[in-house]
Amino acid sequence: MASRLYNPLKEPEIELFVKAGLDGENIGNCPFCQSLFMVLWLKGARFNVTTVDMTRYPRLTPKNRESLDVGRNIFAKFSAYIKNPHKEANKNLEKALLKEFRRLDEYLSTPIPEEIDQDSTEEVLVSQRKFLDGNWMTLADCNLLPKLNIIKIAAKKYRNFEIPLEMTAVWRYLHYAYARDEFSHTCPADGEIERTYASVAKKMS
């Protein structure tokens, strides 16, 4: 993604998106939106206001609760693993991280209710969905994917750890994620992640 050069002589471009009212056009009832609106106005900032019809806006909340829960502990296990300076504890910490990856792989392999056709005689045994909650990204993916990207880069660099190839559902998930601009174009460069974790990853002794 190309970087933008800052021009101090140019007015900043600010877009404020607020909830639309029942007519889909005028400002709706949202105290948070109104608060931001007031702050910008009081500061004398130049900005554009766009109302968003929430009934037509893509829903990002996953339908299945487990889609939000399945990756909840994976980053904590990674942090403990990469910060550990004791060689004797490394194996168990790596096992704990792999356990979370197996849980994620199993969830991504298991069909969710939306994939099962009750009227069909053909049973769906393995899920082929692209993301955690279906074929479209949700908040669950926005929460988990940046963490998986960090783990993939930093764990390889500082612990020579890679997500096992047999975890095909996790790799399928990452493949589809990196193919989406919303994810791939918002990822930091690998070097940025490596520099961040250079002082975090402890040398084992």
N, C-alpha and C. Protein backbone atom coordinates (compact mmCIF):
# COMPACT_ATOMS: atom_id res chain seq x y z
N MET A 1 0.85 -1.19 0.00
CA MET A 1 0.00 0.00 0.00
C MET A 1 0.89 1.24 0.00
N ALA A 2 0.61 2.16 -0.87
CA ALA A 2 1.42 3.37 -0.99
C ALA A 2 1.22 4.26 0.23
N SER A 3 2.31 4.86 0.71
CA SER A 3 2.22 5.75 1.86
C SER A 3 1.78 7.13 1.39
N ARG A 4 1.08 7.84 2.29
CA ARG A 4 0.62 9.18 1.95
C ARG A 4 1.58 10.21 2.55
N LEU A 5 1.98 11.18 1.76
CA LEU A 5 2.85 12.23 2.25
C LEU A 5 2.02 13.28 2.97
N TYR A 6 2.49 13.69 4.14
CA TYR A 6 1.78 14.69 4.92
C TYR A 6 2.09 16.07 4.38
N ASN A 7 1.06 16.82 4.08
CA ASN A 7 1.22 18.19 3.59
C ASN A 7 0.65 19.14 4.64
N PRO A 8 1.52 19.86 5.38
CA PRO A 8 1.04 20.74 6.46
C PRO A 8 0.21 21.91 5.97
N LEU A 9 0.29 22.21 4.67
CA LEU A 9 -0.47 23.34 4.13
C LEU A 9 -1.87 22.94 3.71
N LYS A 10 -2.12 21.65 3.64
CA LYS A 10 -3.41 21.17 3.18
C LYS A 10 -4.31 20.85 4.37
N GLU A 11 -5.56 21.29 4.27
CA GLU A 11 -6.52 21.01 5.32
C GLU A 11 -6.74 19.50 5.43
N PRO A 12 -6.76 18.94 6.64
CA PRO A 12 -7.01 17.51 6.77
C PRO A 12 -8.42 17.16 6.29
N GLU A 13 -8.53 16.00 5.66
CA GLU A 13 -9.83 15.56 5.18
C GLU A 13 -10.47 14.67 6.24
N ILE A 14 -11.56 15.15 6.82
CA ILE A 14 -12.23 14.40 7.87
C ILE A 14 -13.63 14.02 7.40
N GLU A 15 -13.94 12.72 7.50
CA GLU A 15 -15.27 12.23 7.17
C GLU A 15 -15.90 11.68 8.44
N LEU A 16 -17.05 12.21 8.81
CA LEU A 16 -17.77 11.71 9.98
C LEU A 16 -18.98 10.94 9.51
N PHE A 17 -19.02 9.65 9.85
CA PHE A 17 -20.16 8.81 9.47
C PHE A 17 -21.06 8.65 10.69
N VAL A 18 -22.31 9.04 10.54
CA VAL A 18 -23.26 8.98 11.65
C VAL A 18 -24.49 8.15 11.25
N LYS A 19 -25.13 7.63 12.26
CA LYS A 19 -26.33 6.83 12.04
C LYS A 19 -27.44 7.67 11.42
N ALA A 20 -28.08 7.11 10.39
CA ALA A 20 -29.19 7.81 9.73
C ALA A 20 -30.50 7.57 10.49
N GLY A 21 -31.43 8.51 10.32
CA GLY A 21 -32.75 8.37 10.93
C GLY A 21 -33.63 7.41 10.16
N LEU A 22 -34.91 7.38 10.50
CA LEU A 22 -35.85 6.45 9.87
C LEU A 22 -35.98 6.66 8.37
N ASP A 23 -35.76 7.91 7.94
CA ASP A 23 -35.87 8.19 6.50
C ASP A 23 -34.63 7.76 5.73
N GLY A 24 -33.59 7.29 6.45
CA GLY A 24 -32.37 6.82 5.80
C GLY A 24 -31.43 7.92 5.36
N GLU A 25 -31.80 9.19 5.64
CA GLU A 25 -30.98 10.30 5.17
C GLU A 25 -30.59 11.27 6.28
N ASN A 26 -31.56 11.71 7.09
CA ASN A 26 -31.27 12.67 8.14
C ASN A 26 -30.56 11.99 9.32
N ILE A 27 -29.98 12.82 10.21
CA ILE A 27 -29.23 12.29 11.35
C ILE A 27 -30.16 11.55 12.31
N GLY A 28 -29.72 10.36 12.70
CA GLY A 28 -30.52 9.52 13.59
C GLY A 28 -30.14 9.69 15.04
N ASN A 29 -30.74 8.87 15.89
CA ASN A 29 -30.53 8.94 17.33
C ASN A 29 -29.34 8.09 17.74
N CYS A 30 -28.19 8.73 17.96
CA CYS A 30 -26.98 8.04 18.42
C CYS A 30 -26.15 9.04 19.21
N PRO A 31 -26.16 8.95 20.56
CA PRO A 31 -25.42 9.93 21.36
C PRO A 31 -23.92 9.94 21.10
N PHE A 32 -23.35 8.79 20.76
CA PHE A 32 -21.92 8.72 20.48
C PHE A 32 -21.59 9.53 19.21
N CYS A 33 -22.41 9.34 18.17
CA CYS A 33 -22.22 10.10 16.93
C CYS A 33 -22.38 11.59 17.18
N GLN A 34 -23.41 11.94 17.95
CA GLN A 34 -23.66 13.35 18.23
C GLN A 34 -22.50 13.97 19.00
N SER A 35 -21.93 13.20 19.94
CA SER A 35 -20.80 13.69 20.73
C SER A 35 -19.61 14.02 19.83
N LEU A 36 -19.28 13.12 18.89
CA LEU A 36 -18.18 13.38 17.96
C LEU A 36 -18.46 14.59 17.07
N PHE A 37 -19.72 14.67 16.63
CA PHE A 37 -20.17 15.78 15.79
C PHE A 37 -19.92 17.10 16.52
N MET A 38 -20.32 17.17 17.80
CA MET A 38 -20.17 18.39 18.60
C MET A 38 -18.70 18.76 18.80
N VAL A 39 -17.87 17.74 19.12
CA VAL A 39 -16.45 17.99 19.37
C VAL A 39 -15.77 18.58 18.14
N LEU A 40 -16.04 17.99 16.98
CA LEU A 40 -15.44 18.49 15.75
C LEU A 40 -15.89 19.92 15.46
N TRP A 41 -17.17 20.17 15.68
CA TRP A 41 -17.73 21.50 15.43
C TRP A 41 -17.10 22.53 16.38
N LEU A 42 -17.03 22.18 17.67
CA LEU A 42 -16.47 23.09 18.67
C LEU A 42 -15.00 23.40 18.40
N LYS A 43 -14.26 22.42 17.84
CA LYS A 43 -12.86 22.62 17.53
C LYS A 43 -12.64 23.41 16.25
N GLY A 44 -13.73 23.68 15.52
CA GLY A 44 -13.63 24.42 14.28
C GLY A 44 -13.03 23.61 13.14
N ALA A 45 -13.10 22.29 13.26
CA ALA A 45 -12.53 21.44 12.21
C ALA A 45 -13.43 21.45 10.98
N ARG A 46 -12.80 21.31 9.81
CA ARG A 46 -13.57 21.19 8.58
C ARG A 46 -13.80 19.72 8.31
N PHE A 47 -15.06 19.35 8.18
CA PHE A 47 -15.35 17.93 7.99
C PHE A 47 -16.65 17.74 7.23
N ASN A 48 -16.78 16.57 6.64
CA ASN A 48 -18.01 16.19 5.94
C ASN A 48 -18.77 15.18 6.79
N VAL A 49 -20.08 15.28 6.76
CA VAL A 49 -20.93 14.34 7.50
C VAL A 49 -21.68 13.47 6.51
N THR A 50 -21.60 12.17 6.72
CA THR A 50 -22.33 11.21 5.90
C THR A 50 -23.20 10.36 6.80
N THR A 51 -24.49 10.32 6.52
CA THR A 51 -25.39 9.48 7.31
C THR A 51 -25.40 8.07 6.72
N VAL A 52 -25.45 7.09 7.61
CA VAL A 52 -25.42 5.69 7.20
C VAL A 52 -26.70 5.00 7.63
N ASP A 53 -27.41 4.45 6.65
CA ASP A 53 -28.64 3.71 6.93
C ASP A 53 -28.24 2.35 7.49
N MET A 54 -28.39 2.16 8.79
CA MET A 54 -27.93 0.94 9.45
C MET A 54 -28.69 -0.30 8.98
N THR A 55 -29.91 -0.11 8.48
CA THR A 55 -30.68 -1.27 8.02
C THR A 55 -30.12 -1.81 6.71
N ARG A 56 -29.36 -0.99 5.99
CA ARG A 56 -28.76 -1.43 4.72
C ARG A 56 -27.26 -1.66 4.83
N TYR A 57 -26.69 -1.31 5.96
CA TYR A 57 -25.23 -1.44 6.16
C TYR A 57 -24.87 -2.89 6.48
N PRO A 58 -23.74 -3.39 5.94
CA PRO A 58 -23.37 -4.78 6.20
C PRO A 58 -23.19 -5.04 7.69
N ARG A 59 -23.80 -6.12 8.17
CA ARG A 59 -23.68 -6.48 9.58
C ARG A 59 -22.35 -7.20 9.79
N LEU A 60 -21.61 -6.77 10.79
CA LEU A 60 -20.32 -7.39 11.06
C LEU A 60 -20.35 -8.34 12.26
N THR A 61 -21.47 -8.37 12.97
CA THR A 61 -21.58 -9.25 14.13
C THR A 61 -21.79 -10.69 13.66
N PRO A 62 -20.95 -11.63 14.12
CA PRO A 62 -21.12 -13.03 13.69
C PRO A 62 -22.41 -13.63 14.25
N LYS A 63 -22.98 -14.56 13.49
CA LYS A 63 -24.21 -15.23 13.92
C LYS A 63 -23.93 -16.26 15.00
N ASN A 64 -22.75 -16.87 14.94
CA ASN A 64 -22.39 -17.93 15.88
C ASN A 64 -21.44 -17.41 16.95
N ARG A 65 -21.83 -17.54 18.19
CA ARG A 65 -21.06 -17.00 19.31
C ARG A 65 -19.64 -17.57 19.35
N GLU A 66 -19.51 -18.86 18.99
CA GLU A 66 -18.20 -19.49 19.07
C GLU A 66 -17.20 -18.88 18.08
N SER A 67 -17.71 -18.24 17.04
CA SER A 67 -16.81 -17.58 16.09
C SER A 67 -16.00 -16.49 16.78
N LEU A 68 -16.56 -15.86 17.79
CA LEU A 68 -15.85 -14.84 18.57
C LEU A 68 -14.97 -15.46 19.64
N ASP A 69 -15.37 -16.61 20.16
CA ASP A 69 -14.67 -17.22 21.28
C ASP A 69 -13.49 -18.09 20.89
N VAL A 70 -13.53 -18.68 19.69
CA VAL A 70 -12.57 -19.73 19.35
C VAL A 70 -11.11 -19.28 19.38
N GLY A 71 -10.84 -18.05 19.03
CA GLY A 71 -9.45 -17.60 19.02
C GLY A 71 -9.08 -16.71 20.19
N ARG A 72 -9.93 -16.70 21.18
CA ARG A 72 -9.77 -15.75 22.30
C ARG A 72 -8.43 -15.91 23.04
N ASN A 73 -7.95 -17.14 23.20
CA ASN A 73 -6.75 -17.38 24.02
C ASN A 73 -5.47 -17.52 23.22
N ILE A 74 -5.57 -17.53 21.92
CA ILE A 74 -4.40 -17.86 21.09
C ILE A 74 -3.27 -16.85 21.23
N PHE A 75 -3.61 -15.57 21.34
CA PHE A 75 -2.56 -14.55 21.43
C PHE A 75 -1.89 -14.55 22.80
N ALA A 76 -2.65 -14.87 23.84
CA ALA A 76 -2.08 -14.95 25.18
C ALA A 76 -1.08 -16.10 25.25
N LYS A 77 -1.42 -17.24 24.62
CA LYS A 77 -0.51 -18.38 24.61
C LYS A 77 0.76 -18.06 23.81
N PHE A 78 0.58 -17.33 22.71
CA PHE A 78 1.73 -16.91 21.91
C PHE A 78 2.63 -15.97 22.71
N SER A 79 2.03 -15.02 23.43
CA SER A 79 2.82 -14.05 24.21
C SER A 79 3.65 -14.75 25.28
N ALA A 80 3.03 -15.71 25.97
CA ALA A 80 3.76 -16.46 26.99
C ALA A 80 4.91 -17.25 26.37
N TYR A 81 4.66 -17.79 25.20
CA TYR A 81 5.64 -18.60 24.48
C TYR A 81 6.84 -17.77 24.03
N ILE A 82 6.58 -16.63 23.44
CA ILE A 82 7.68 -15.84 22.87
C ILE A 82 8.45 -15.04 23.93
N LYS A 83 7.82 -14.78 25.07
CA LYS A 83 8.49 -14.03 26.14
C LYS A 83 9.28 -14.93 27.09
N ASN A 84 9.10 -16.23 26.95
CA ASN A 84 9.73 -17.17 27.88
C ASN A 84 11.25 -17.28 27.67
N PRO A 85 12.05 -17.07 28.73
CA PRO A 85 13.49 -17.17 28.60
C PRO A 85 14.07 -18.54 29.02
N HIS A 86 13.21 -19.43 29.52
CA HIS A 86 13.66 -20.70 30.08
C HIS A 86 13.47 -21.86 29.11
N LYS A 87 14.57 -22.48 28.72
CA LYS A 87 14.53 -23.53 27.71
C LYS A 87 13.66 -24.71 28.15
N GLU A 88 13.69 -25.02 29.44
CA GLU A 88 12.94 -26.18 29.93
C GLU A 88 11.43 -25.96 29.87
N ALA A 89 10.99 -24.71 29.85
CA ALA A 89 9.55 -24.42 29.78
C ALA A 89 9.05 -24.27 28.36
N ASN A 90 9.97 -24.16 27.40
CA ASN A 90 9.60 -23.87 26.02
C ASN A 90 8.66 -24.91 25.42
N LYS A 91 8.94 -26.18 25.66
CA LYS A 91 8.16 -27.26 25.05
C LYS A 91 6.70 -27.19 25.48
N ASN A 92 6.46 -27.01 26.76
CA ASN A 92 5.09 -26.95 27.26
C ASN A 92 4.34 -25.72 26.77
N LEU A 93 5.05 -24.60 26.67
CA LEU A 93 4.41 -23.38 26.17
C LEU A 93 4.07 -23.51 24.70
N GLU A 94 4.93 -24.19 23.94
CA GLU A 94 4.64 -24.43 22.52
C GLU A 94 3.45 -25.37 22.38
N LYS A 95 3.37 -26.37 23.25
CA LYS A 95 2.22 -27.29 23.24
C LYS A 95 0.92 -26.55 23.51
N ALA A 96 0.96 -25.61 24.45
CA ALA A 96 -0.23 -24.83 24.78
C ALA A 96 -0.69 -23.98 23.60
N LEU A 97 0.28 -23.42 22.87
CA LEU A 97 -0.04 -22.63 21.68
C LEU A 97 -0.62 -23.53 20.59
N LEU A 98 -0.02 -24.69 20.39
CA LEU A 98 -0.51 -25.64 19.38
C LEU A 98 -1.92 -26.13 19.71
N LYS A 99 -2.21 -26.26 20.99
CA LYS A 99 -3.55 -26.69 21.41
C LYS A 99 -4.60 -25.68 20.97
N GLU A 100 -4.28 -24.39 21.08
CA GLU A 100 -5.20 -23.34 20.65
C GLU A 100 -5.35 -23.36 19.12
N PHE A 101 -4.27 -23.61 18.41
CA PHE A 101 -4.34 -23.71 16.96
C PHE A 101 -5.19 -24.92 16.53
N ARG A 102 -5.05 -26.03 17.26
CA ARG A 102 -5.86 -27.22 16.94
C ARG A 102 -7.35 -26.93 17.15
N ARG A 103 -7.62 -26.19 18.23
CA ARG A 103 -9.02 -25.81 18.51
C ARG A 103 -9.58 -24.95 17.38
N LEU A 104 -8.76 -24.01 16.89
CA LEU A 104 -9.17 -23.15 15.79
C LEU A 104 -9.35 -23.98 14.51
N ASP A 105 -8.42 -24.88 14.26
CA ASP A 105 -8.49 -25.72 13.06
C ASP A 105 -9.75 -26.60 13.07
N GLU A 106 -10.05 -27.14 14.24
CA GLU A 106 -11.25 -27.98 14.38
C GLU A 106 -12.52 -27.17 14.14
N TYR A 107 -12.55 -25.95 14.66
CA TYR A 107 -13.73 -25.12 14.48
C TYR A 107 -13.92 -24.75 13.01
N LEU A 108 -12.83 -24.41 12.34
CA LEU A 108 -12.90 -24.04 10.93
C LEU A 108 -13.22 -25.24 10.05
N SER A 109 -12.93 -26.45 10.53
CA SER A 109 -13.23 -27.67 9.77
C SER A 109 -14.67 -28.13 9.96
N THR A 110 -15.27 -27.74 11.07
CA THR A 110 -16.62 -28.19 11.41
C THR A 110 -17.67 -27.29 10.76
N PRO A 111 -18.61 -27.87 10.02
CA PRO A 111 -19.64 -27.05 9.38
C PRO A 111 -20.47 -26.28 10.42
N ILE A 112 -20.75 -25.03 10.13
CA ILE A 112 -21.63 -24.24 10.98
C ILE A 112 -23.06 -24.44 10.50
N PRO A 113 -24.07 -24.11 11.30
CA PRO A 113 -25.48 -24.37 10.92
C PRO A 113 -25.85 -23.86 9.54
N GLU A 114 -25.29 -22.70 9.14
CA GLU A 114 -25.64 -22.12 7.85
C GLU A 114 -25.19 -22.97 6.67
N GLU A 115 -24.25 -23.87 6.89
CA GLU A 115 -23.73 -24.73 5.82
C GLU A 115 -24.52 -26.02 5.67
N ILE A 116 -25.37 -26.30 6.62
CA ILE A 116 -26.11 -27.57 6.62
C ILE A 116 -27.52 -27.37 6.08
N ASP A 117 -27.82 -28.05 5.00
CA ASP A 117 -29.14 -28.01 4.38
C ASP A 117 -29.97 -29.14 4.95
N GLN A 118 -30.97 -28.78 5.73
CA GLN A 118 -31.80 -29.79 6.39
C GLN A 118 -32.58 -30.65 5.40
N ASP A 119 -32.82 -30.11 4.21
CA ASP A 119 -33.61 -30.84 3.21
C ASP A 119 -32.75 -31.71 2.30
N SER A 120 -31.45 -31.62 2.47
CA SER A 120 -30.56 -32.38 1.60
C SER A 120 -30.21 -33.74 2.23
N THR A 121 -30.08 -34.74 1.38
CA THR A 121 -29.70 -36.07 1.86
C THR A 121 -28.18 -36.20 1.96
N GLU A 122 -27.47 -35.24 1.38
CA GLU A 122 -26.02 -35.26 1.40
C GLU A 122 -25.51 -34.54 2.64
N GLU A 123 -24.77 -35.27 3.46
CA GLU A 123 -24.27 -34.72 4.72
C GLU A 123 -22.97 -33.95 4.50
N VAL A 124 -22.91 -32.74 5.06
CA VAL A 124 -21.70 -31.93 4.98
C VAL A 124 -20.80 -32.30 6.15
N LEU A 125 -19.68 -32.95 5.85
CA LEU A 125 -18.79 -33.44 6.90
C LEU A 125 -17.68 -32.45 7.24
N VAL A 126 -17.19 -31.75 6.22
CA VAL A 126 -16.09 -30.80 6.42
C VAL A 126 -16.49 -29.44 5.86
N SER A 127 -16.29 -28.41 6.66
CA SER A 127 -16.63 -27.05 6.22
C SER A 127 -15.66 -26.57 5.15
N GLN A 128 -16.17 -25.79 4.22
CA GLN A 128 -15.34 -25.17 3.19
C GLN A 128 -15.47 -23.65 3.25
N ARG A 129 -16.03 -23.13 4.35
CA ARG A 129 -16.24 -21.69 4.45
C ARG A 129 -14.91 -20.96 4.47
N LYS A 130 -14.94 -19.71 4.05
CA LYS A 130 -13.71 -18.92 3.92
C LYS A 130 -13.27 -18.30 5.24
N PHE A 131 -14.25 -17.91 6.08
CA PHE A 131 -13.91 -17.19 7.29
C PHE A 131 -14.55 -17.85 8.51
N LEU A 132 -14.36 -17.26 9.66
CA LEU A 132 -14.82 -17.89 10.90
C LEU A 132 -16.32 -18.16 10.93
N ASP A 133 -17.10 -17.20 10.44
CA ASP A 133 -18.55 -17.29 10.58
C ASP A 133 -19.27 -17.49 9.25
N GLY A 134 -18.54 -17.79 8.20
CA GLY A 134 -19.16 -17.96 6.89
C GLY A 134 -18.22 -17.51 5.79
N ASN A 135 -18.78 -17.07 4.68
CA ASN A 135 -17.96 -16.66 3.54
C ASN A 135 -17.69 -15.17 3.49
N TRP A 136 -18.09 -14.45 4.56
CA TRP A 136 -17.83 -13.01 4.63
C TRP A 136 -17.16 -12.69 5.96
N MET A 137 -16.29 -11.71 5.95
CA MET A 137 -15.61 -11.30 7.16
C MET A 137 -16.58 -10.68 8.15
N THR A 138 -16.33 -10.95 9.43
CA THR A 138 -17.11 -10.33 10.50
C THR A 138 -16.14 -9.76 11.53
N LEU A 139 -16.68 -9.23 12.62
CA LEU A 139 -15.84 -8.70 13.69
C LEU A 139 -14.91 -9.77 14.25
N ALA A 140 -15.37 -11.02 14.23
CA ALA A 140 -14.53 -12.12 14.73
C ALA A 140 -13.23 -12.20 13.94
N ASP A 141 -13.31 -12.04 12.63
CA ASP A 141 -12.11 -12.07 11.79
C ASP A 141 -11.25 -10.84 12.00
N CYS A 142 -11.90 -9.68 12.17
CA CYS A 142 -11.16 -8.44 12.42
C CYS A 142 -10.37 -8.52 13.72
N ASN A 143 -10.88 -9.27 14.69
CA ASN A 143 -10.20 -9.44 15.97
C ASN A 143 -9.06 -10.45 15.87
N LEU A 144 -9.29 -11.56 15.16
CA LEU A 144 -8.33 -12.66 15.17
C LEU A 144 -7.23 -12.56 14.12
N LEU A 145 -7.55 -12.15 12.91
CA LEU A 145 -6.58 -12.19 11.83
C LEU A 145 -5.31 -11.36 12.08
N PRO A 146 -5.40 -10.12 12.60
CA PRO A 146 -4.17 -9.38 12.88
C PRO A 146 -3.25 -10.12 13.86
N LYS A 147 -3.85 -10.83 14.81
CA LYS A 147 -3.06 -11.59 15.79
C LYS A 147 -2.40 -12.79 15.13
N LEU A 148 -3.13 -13.48 14.25
CA LEU A 148 -2.56 -14.62 13.55
C LEU A 148 -1.39 -14.19 12.66
N ASN A 149 -1.52 -13.03 12.05
CA ASN A 149 -0.44 -12.51 11.21
C ASN A 149 0.81 -12.25 12.03
N ILE A 150 0.64 -11.66 13.21
CA ILE A 150 1.78 -11.40 14.10
C ILE A 150 2.43 -12.71 14.53
N ILE A 151 1.60 -13.68 14.92
CA ILE A 151 2.13 -14.97 15.35
C ILE A 151 2.92 -15.63 14.23
N LYS A 152 2.35 -15.60 13.03
CA LYS A 152 2.99 -16.25 11.88
C LYS A 152 4.37 -15.65 11.61
N ILE A 153 4.50 -14.35 11.73
CA ILE A 153 5.76 -13.67 11.44
C ILE A 153 6.75 -13.77 12.61
N ALA A 154 6.30 -13.38 13.80
CA ALA A 154 7.20 -13.29 14.95
C ALA A 154 7.64 -14.66 15.47
N ALA A 155 6.71 -15.63 15.50
CA ALA A 155 7.06 -16.96 16.01
C ALA A 155 8.05 -17.66 15.09
N LYS A 156 7.92 -17.44 13.80
CA LYS A 156 8.87 -18.00 12.84
C LYS A 156 10.25 -17.37 13.01
N LYS A 157 10.28 -16.06 13.16
CA LYS A 157 11.54 -15.32 13.26
C LYS A 157 12.30 -15.65 14.54
N TYR A 158 11.58 -15.68 15.68
CA TYR A 158 12.28 -15.77 16.96
C TYR A 158 12.18 -17.13 17.66
N ARG A 159 11.30 -18.02 17.17
CA ARG A 159 11.20 -19.35 17.77
C ARG A 159 11.23 -20.47 16.73
N ASN A 160 11.41 -20.10 15.48
CA ASN A 160 11.39 -21.08 14.38
C ASN A 160 10.14 -21.95 14.43
N PHE A 161 9.03 -21.32 14.84
CA PHE A 161 7.74 -22.00 14.94
C PHE A 161 6.89 -21.67 13.72
N GLU A 162 6.30 -22.69 13.13
CA GLU A 162 5.37 -22.49 12.03
C GLU A 162 4.08 -23.24 12.30
N ILE A 163 2.98 -22.69 11.83
CA ILE A 163 1.69 -23.37 11.95
C ILE A 163 1.80 -24.68 11.17
N PRO A 164 1.54 -25.82 11.82
CA PRO A 164 1.69 -27.11 11.13
C PRO A 164 0.86 -27.19 9.84
N LEU A 165 1.46 -27.75 8.80
CA LEU A 165 0.79 -27.85 7.51
C LEU A 165 -0.46 -28.71 7.56
N GLU A 166 -0.50 -29.65 8.52
CA GLU A 166 -1.69 -30.52 8.61
C GLU A 166 -2.92 -29.77 9.11
N MET A 167 -2.72 -28.57 9.62
CA MET A 167 -3.86 -27.74 10.03
C MET A 167 -4.39 -27.02 8.79
N THR A 168 -4.96 -27.83 7.90
CA THR A 168 -5.37 -27.32 6.58
C THR A 168 -6.48 -26.27 6.66
N ALA A 169 -7.34 -26.37 7.66
CA ALA A 169 -8.43 -25.39 7.78
C ALA A 169 -7.89 -24.01 8.17
N VAL A 170 -6.87 -23.99 9.03
CA VAL A 170 -6.26 -22.72 9.42
C VAL A 170 -5.56 -22.09 8.21
N TRP A 171 -4.84 -22.91 7.44
CA TRP A 171 -4.15 -22.40 6.26
C TRP A 171 -5.13 -21.94 5.18
N ARG A 172 -6.26 -22.64 5.06
CA ARG A 172 -7.30 -22.21 4.12
C ARG A 172 -7.83 -20.84 4.54
N TYR A 173 -8.07 -20.69 5.83
CA TYR A 173 -8.55 -19.43 6.39
C TYR A 173 -7.58 -18.28 6.09
N LEU A 174 -6.29 -18.52 6.33
CA LEU A 174 -5.28 -17.49 6.08
C LEU A 174 -5.17 -17.18 4.59
N HIS A 175 -5.28 -18.20 3.76
CA HIS A 175 -5.22 -18.00 2.30
C HIS A 175 -6.31 -17.03 1.84
N TYR A 176 -7.54 -17.28 2.30
CA TYR A 176 -8.64 -16.40 1.90
C TYR A 176 -8.50 -15.02 2.51
N ALA A 177 -7.94 -14.94 3.72
CA ALA A 177 -7.77 -13.64 4.38
C ALA A 177 -6.77 -12.77 3.64
N TYR A 178 -5.62 -13.35 3.29
CA TYR A 178 -4.59 -12.56 2.59
C TYR A 178 -5.04 -12.16 1.18
N ALA A 179 -6.04 -12.84 0.66
CA ALA A 179 -6.57 -12.50 -0.67
C ALA A 179 -7.52 -11.30 -0.62
N ARG A 180 -7.92 -10.90 0.60
CA ARG A 180 -8.83 -9.77 0.75
C ARG A 180 -8.04 -8.49 1.04
N ASP A 181 -8.33 -7.44 0.29
CA ASP A 181 -7.64 -6.16 0.47
C ASP A 181 -7.82 -5.61 1.87
N GLU A 182 -9.01 -5.83 2.45
CA GLU A 182 -9.29 -5.28 3.79
C GLU A 182 -8.29 -5.79 4.81
N PHE A 183 -7.76 -6.98 4.58
CA PHE A 183 -6.76 -7.53 5.49
C PHE A 183 -5.34 -7.30 4.99
N SER A 184 -5.06 -7.75 3.77
CA SER A 184 -3.68 -7.68 3.28
C SER A 184 -3.15 -6.26 3.17
N HIS A 185 -4.02 -5.30 2.83
CA HIS A 185 -3.58 -3.91 2.69
C HIS A 185 -3.51 -3.16 4.02
N THR A 186 -3.96 -3.80 5.09
CA THR A 186 -3.87 -3.16 6.41
C THR A 186 -2.82 -3.83 7.29
N CYS A 187 -2.18 -4.89 6.79
CA CYS A 187 -1.13 -5.56 7.53
C CYS A 187 0.15 -4.71 7.53
N PRO A 188 0.83 -4.64 8.67
CA PRO A 188 2.14 -3.96 8.66
C PRO A 188 3.14 -4.83 7.91
N ALA A 189 4.22 -4.23 7.47
CA ALA A 189 5.29 -4.99 6.83
C ALA A 189 5.86 -6.00 7.82
N ASP A 190 6.33 -7.14 7.31
CA ASP A 190 6.90 -8.17 8.19
C ASP A 190 7.99 -7.59 9.08
N GLY A 191 8.81 -6.71 8.49
CA GLY A 191 9.91 -6.11 9.25
C GLY A 191 9.45 -5.30 10.44
N GLU A 192 8.28 -4.66 10.33
CA GLU A 192 7.73 -3.89 11.46
C GLU A 192 7.40 -4.82 12.62
N ILE A 193 6.81 -5.96 12.31
CA ILE A 193 6.47 -6.93 13.35
C ILE A 193 7.74 -7.49 13.98
N GLU A 194 8.71 -7.82 13.14
CA GLU A 194 9.97 -8.37 13.65
C GLU A 194 10.68 -7.37 14.55
N ARG A 195 10.68 -6.10 14.17
CA ARG A 195 11.33 -5.08 15.01
C ARG A 195 10.60 -4.91 16.34
N THR A 196 9.28 -4.97 16.30
CA THR A 196 8.50 -4.83 17.53
C THR A 196 8.83 -5.93 18.53
N TYR A 197 8.98 -7.16 18.01
CA TYR A 197 9.19 -8.31 18.89
C TYR A 197 10.67 -8.60 19.15
N ALA A 198 11.56 -7.82 18.56
CA ALA A 198 12.99 -8.03 18.80
C ALA A 198 13.33 -7.87 20.28
N SER A 199 12.68 -6.93 20.95
CA SER A 199 12.96 -6.71 22.37
C SER A 199 12.02 -7.49 23.28
N VAL A 200 10.99 -8.08 22.67
CA VAL A 200 9.99 -8.84 23.44
C VAL A 200 10.40 -10.31 23.54
N ALA A 201 10.86 -10.85 22.41
CA ALA A 201 11.27 -12.26 22.37
C ALA A 201 12.53 -12.46 23.21
N LYS A 202 12.40 -13.27 24.24
CA LYS A 202 13.53 -13.49 25.13
C LYS A 202 14.43 -14.63 24.63
N LYS A 203 15.72 -14.42 24.75
CA LYS A 203 16.67 -15.49 24.41
C LYS A 203 16.61 -16.54 25.51
N MET A 204 16.51 -17.78 25.08
CA MET A 204 16.38 -18.85 26.07
C MET A 204 17.74 -19.30 26.59
N SER A 205 17.75 -19.64 27.86
CA SER A 205 18.99 -20.11 28.47
C SER A 205 18.70 -21.29 29.39
